Protein backbone atom coordinates (compact mmCIF):
# COMPACT_ATOMS: atom_id res chain seq x y z
CA TYR A 1 -0.17 -0.10 0.05
CA SER A 2 3.02 2.40 0.74
CA ARG A 3 4.21 1.67 -2.63
CA LEU A 4 1.02 2.17 -4.44
CA PHE A 5 0.44 5.58 -2.65
CA ALA A 6 4.26 6.53 -3.41
CA ARG A 7 3.54 5.78 -6.97
CA HIS A 8 0.86 8.50 -7.44
CA LEU A 9 1.56 10.98 -4.76
CA GLY A 10 3.88 13.11 -6.74
CA ASP A 11 1.33 13.66 -9.66
CA HIS A 12 -0.93 15.64 -7.05
CA LEU A 13 1.82 17.67 -5.24
CA PRO A 14 3.11 21.24 -6.49
CA GLY A 15 6.28 20.54 -8.60
CA HIS A 16 5.32 16.92 -9.21
CA PRO A 17 8.19 15.78 -6.81
CA ASP A 18 9.78 12.29 -7.08
CA VAL A 19 8.45 10.23 -4.04
CA ILE A 20 10.71 7.38 -2.92
CA ALA A 21 9.37 4.22 -1.08
CA GLN A 22 11.88 3.40 1.77
CA ASN A 23 11.55 0.26 3.94
CA MET A 24 12.47 0.61 7.73
CA PRO A 25 11.88 -2.94 9.18
CA GLY A 26 12.15 -3.17 13.10
CA ALA A 27 10.04 -3.54 16.08
CA GLY A 28 6.55 -3.82 14.39
CA SER A 29 6.80 -0.37 12.96
CA ILE A 30 8.06 1.46 16.16
CA ARG A 31 11.46 2.02 14.54
CA ALA A 32 9.85 3.81 11.62
CA ALA A 33 7.49 5.57 13.96
CA ARG A 34 10.15 6.94 16.16
CA ASP A 35 11.92 8.07 13.11
CA LEU A 36 9.16 10.07 11.87
CA TYR A 37 8.32 11.25 15.36
CA PHE A 38 11.85 12.66 16.47
CA LYS A 39 14.14 12.65 13.51
CA ALA A 40 12.42 13.36 10.20
CA PRO A 41 11.94 16.85 8.84
CA LYS A 42 8.93 18.48 9.60
CA ASP A 43 8.16 20.03 6.21
CA GLY A 44 6.13 17.45 4.41
CA THR A 45 9.02 15.82 2.61
CA ALA A 46 8.93 12.54 4.95
CA ILE A 47 5.61 10.69 5.52
CA GLY A 48 4.96 6.89 6.32
CA MET A 49 2.65 4.27 6.92
CA VAL A 50 2.92 2.19 10.34
CA ASP A 51 1.24 -0.67 12.06
CA GLN A 52 -2.45 0.03 12.66
CA SER A 53 -2.27 -1.05 16.19
CA LEU A 54 0.33 1.22 17.44
CA TYR A 55 -2.27 3.44 19.28
CA LEU A 56 -3.37 0.35 21.13
CA ARG A 57 0.09 -0.68 22.11
CA GLN A 58 0.58 2.95 23.52
CA GLN A 59 -2.65 2.62 25.56
CA LEU A 60 -1.55 -0.82 27.02
CA GLY A 61 1.86 0.65 28.18
CA GLN A 62 4.37 -0.97 25.70
CA SER A 63 7.76 0.11 27.28
CA ASN A 64 9.31 0.93 23.95
CA ILE A 65 6.60 3.35 22.94
CA ASP A 66 8.20 6.66 23.94
CA PHE A 67 6.07 8.82 21.53
CA ASP A 68 2.60 9.90 21.41
CA VAL A 69 0.73 8.34 18.34
CA GLY A 70 -2.19 10.91 18.69
CA LYS A 71 0.29 13.74 17.91
CA PHE A 72 1.09 12.45 14.37
CA ASN A 73 -0.54 14.11 11.44
CA TRP A 74 -3.02 11.89 9.91
CA VAL A 75 -2.90 12.33 6.25
CA GLY A 76 -5.57 9.77 4.98
CA ARG A 77 -6.62 6.17 4.87
CA LEU A 78 -6.10 3.87 1.84
CA THR A 79 -8.28 1.26 3.11
CA ASN A 80 -9.64 -0.47 6.36
CA ASN A 81 -7.91 -3.71 7.33
CA THR A 82 -9.87 -6.57 8.72
CA PRO A 83 -7.65 -9.31 10.49
CA VAL A 84 -9.11 -12.66 10.32
CA MET A 85 -8.15 -15.78 12.27
CA ILE A 86 -7.78 -18.67 9.52
CA THR A 87 -7.17 -22.08 9.86
CA TRP A 88 -5.70 -24.86 7.41
CA TYR A 89 -8.37 -27.66 6.25
CA LYS A 90 -6.34 -30.40 8.05
CA SER A 91 -6.39 -28.83 11.30
CA PRO A 92 -8.80 -29.97 14.09
CA ILE A 93 -10.21 -26.45 14.01
CA LYS A 94 -12.77 -26.06 11.37
CA SER A 95 -15.40 -23.59 12.72
CA THR A 96 -15.88 -20.97 15.21
CA LYS A 97 -17.38 -23.43 17.55
CA ASP A 98 -14.46 -25.56 17.29
CA PHE A 99 -12.33 -22.67 18.12
CA PHE A 100 -13.81 -22.46 21.53
CA ASP A 101 -14.38 -26.07 22.29
CA LYS A 102 -10.97 -27.64 21.31
CA LYS A 103 -8.79 -27.99 24.27
CA VAL A 104 -5.36 -26.84 22.86
CA ILE A 105 -5.49 -24.38 19.73
CA LEU A 106 -1.79 -23.68 18.24
CA PHE A 107 -1.69 -20.28 16.83
CA GLY A 108 1.34 -18.58 15.21
CA ALA A 109 1.92 -15.07 17.15
CA LEU A 110 3.24 -12.20 15.30
CA SER A 111 1.26 -8.97 15.67
CA ALA A 112 -2.21 -10.83 16.94
CA ARG A 113 -0.84 -11.64 20.58
CA VAL A 114 -3.19 -9.30 22.24
CA ASP A 115 -6.20 -10.47 20.35
CA TYR A 116 -5.33 -13.90 21.55
CA THR A 117 -4.73 -12.93 25.03
CA PHE A 118 -8.32 -11.30 25.21
CA LEU A 119 -9.84 -14.27 23.57
CA GLU A 120 -8.14 -16.64 26.23
CA LYS A 121 -8.88 -14.35 29.17
CA LEU A 122 -12.38 -12.96 28.42
CA ALA A 123 -13.94 -15.68 25.81
CA GLY A 124 -12.52 -18.89 27.36
CA ALA A 125 -10.57 -19.83 24.07
CA LYS A 126 -7.87 -22.41 24.78
CA ILE A 127 -4.93 -20.81 22.87
CA GLN A 128 -1.62 -22.15 22.82
CA VAL A 129 0.57 -19.41 21.21
CA VAL A 130 3.53 -20.67 19.21
CA THR A 131 6.26 -17.91 18.74
CA GLY A 132 9.36 -17.37 16.84
CA TYR A 133 8.28 -17.17 13.40
CA LYS A 134 9.68 -14.24 11.77
CA SER A 135 7.33 -13.21 9.17
CA THR A 136 3.46 -14.10 8.30
CA GLY A 137 4.61 -16.09 5.19
CA GLU A 138 6.77 -18.26 7.50
CA ALA A 139 3.73 -18.77 9.82
CA PHE A 140 1.53 -19.67 6.84
CA LEU A 141 3.96 -22.28 5.78
CA ALA A 142 4.08 -23.73 9.20
CA MET A 143 0.27 -23.77 9.16
CA GLN A 144 0.36 -25.74 5.92
CA ARG A 145 2.86 -28.18 7.36
CA GLY A 146 0.62 -28.59 10.61
CA GLU A 147 3.20 -27.29 12.99
CA ILE A 148 0.36 -24.83 14.03
CA TYR A 149 -3.51 -24.90 13.51
CA GLY A 150 -3.92 -21.35 12.13
CA LEU A 151 -2.66 -17.82 12.17
CA GLN A 152 -4.31 -14.11 11.96
CA MET A 153 -3.83 -12.41 8.71
CA PRO A 154 -5.43 -9.34 7.09
CA TRP A 155 -8.28 -10.64 4.90
CA PRO A 156 -7.10 -8.64 1.97
CA VAL A 157 -3.87 -10.12 1.89
CA VAL A 158 -5.34 -13.56 2.42
CA MET A 159 -7.35 -13.07 -0.69
CA SER A 160 -4.72 -11.37 -2.87
CA LYS A 161 -1.97 -14.01 -2.05
CA HIS A 162 -4.13 -17.30 -1.47
CA GLY A 163 -7.61 -16.58 -3.19
CA GLN A 164 -7.37 -19.84 -4.74
CA LEU A 165 -6.88 -21.75 -1.37
CA VAL A 166 -9.87 -19.86 -0.21
CA LYS A 167 -12.09 -21.09 -3.27
CA GLU A 168 -10.65 -24.52 -2.61
CA LYS A 169 -11.76 -24.45 1.10
CA LYS A 170 -8.30 -25.31 2.20
CA ILE A 171 -8.10 -22.02 4.09
CA ILE A 172 -10.97 -21.59 6.74
CA PRO A 173 -11.90 -18.40 7.99
CA ILE A 174 -12.81 -18.73 11.77
CA LEU A 175 -12.98 -15.19 13.38
CA GLN A 176 -12.81 -11.73 12.53
CA ALA A 177 -10.79 -9.23 14.59
CA GLY A 178 -12.13 -6.15 13.10
CA ALA A 179 -14.64 -3.59 14.14
CA GLU A 180 -16.80 -4.13 10.93
CA LYS A 181 -17.30 -7.34 9.19
CA ASP A 182 -15.71 -7.78 5.76
CA ALA A 183 -18.53 -7.59 3.32
CA SER A 184 -17.28 -11.01 1.89
CA LEU A 185 -17.51 -12.91 5.20
CA PRO A 186 -21.04 -12.08 6.68
CA ASN A 187 -21.32 -15.40 8.23
CA VAL A 188 -17.91 -15.21 10.22
CA PRO A 189 -18.48 -13.64 13.60
CA ARG A 190 -16.21 -10.85 14.99
CA MET A 191 -14.49 -11.02 18.28
CA ILE A 192 -16.91 -8.53 19.33
CA ASP A 193 -19.77 -11.15 18.81
CA VAL A 194 -18.41 -13.73 21.24
CA ALA A 195 -17.98 -11.28 24.14
CA LYS A 196 -19.91 -12.76 27.33
CA SER A 197 -20.69 -9.43 28.99
CA ASP A 198 -21.27 -5.69 28.03
CA HIS A 199 -17.75 -5.04 29.86
CA ASP A 200 -15.96 -7.71 27.70
CA ARG A 201 -17.55 -6.22 24.52
CA GLU A 202 -16.16 -2.69 25.36
CA LEU A 203 -12.77 -4.26 25.53
CA PHE A 204 -13.17 -6.21 22.27
CA GLU A 205 -14.37 -2.96 20.61
CA LEU A 206 -11.30 -1.09 21.84
CA ILE A 207 -8.78 -3.63 20.11
CA ALA A 208 -11.00 -4.00 17.10
CA GLN A 209 -10.50 -0.21 16.22
CA ALA A 210 -7.29 -0.80 14.80
CA SER A 211 -8.86 -2.14 11.81
CA ALA A 212 -10.57 0.92 11.15
CA ILE A 213 -7.41 2.74 11.20
CA GLY A 214 -6.15 0.44 8.61
CA ARG A 215 -3.56 1.42 6.11
CA SER A 216 -3.18 5.12 6.83
CA VAL A 217 -0.60 7.75 6.05
CA ILE A 218 0.90 9.87 8.60
CA ALA A 219 3.17 12.67 8.80
CA PRO A 220 5.37 14.09 11.79
CA PRO A 221 3.93 16.29 14.32
CA ASP A 222 4.29 20.26 14.16
CA LEU A 223 3.58 19.97 10.67
CA SER A 224 2.24 23.51 9.30
CA PRO A 225 -1.38 23.48 8.64
CA GLY A 226 -0.74 24.56 4.96
CA VAL A 227 1.52 21.59 4.42
CA LEU A 228 -0.82 19.07 5.87
CA ALA A 229 -3.78 20.52 3.83
CA MET A 230 -1.67 19.92 0.68
CA LEU A 231 -0.76 16.46 1.74
CA ARG A 232 -4.39 15.61 2.37
């Protein structure tokens, strides 16, 4: 999404500047966010796209977030992003009911650890989280090999990369983590839908809001109003 945005942004800015996409991996977007917040020039020449759940991780007190996500200048959103917990057709988990009834559910943990914790503590899911996978692609292969039962991925990514496997029903969507249901998954419940009380529902709604932020473009704090308006 960043590269798609970069490909067209210059056509709509004065002078038609070149826009260069630069990867900055590290700490689940925190390295990129810190660079934008503390180091990047505050003149509109440096913008970025970071993990949609940074605000939540800040609210939960993650120790290495030493900036205020709310002080970024939010330029715009390319799309919302509905994470979905998926399983492989050979796993014992083939439905939402199985997800809560089976005694041990092996799931790969990348960015979904908060969701798994809430499901375990509030909804009674018996999840055993397997860590150590360096990428979603690596965890996906582990799911196919049977090392884990499933993992969480953005549904647009699942469809673009593995749409044929979805059609063949080898990938099974189990539970949606987003605030809104994906239009193509009307019968797959959200985490919000499995809450056992109004209090729990509010907590699930809190963590689900990340999907509404989705793939958003941000600029550093203290940008001039004119520059921000131009970017928007």
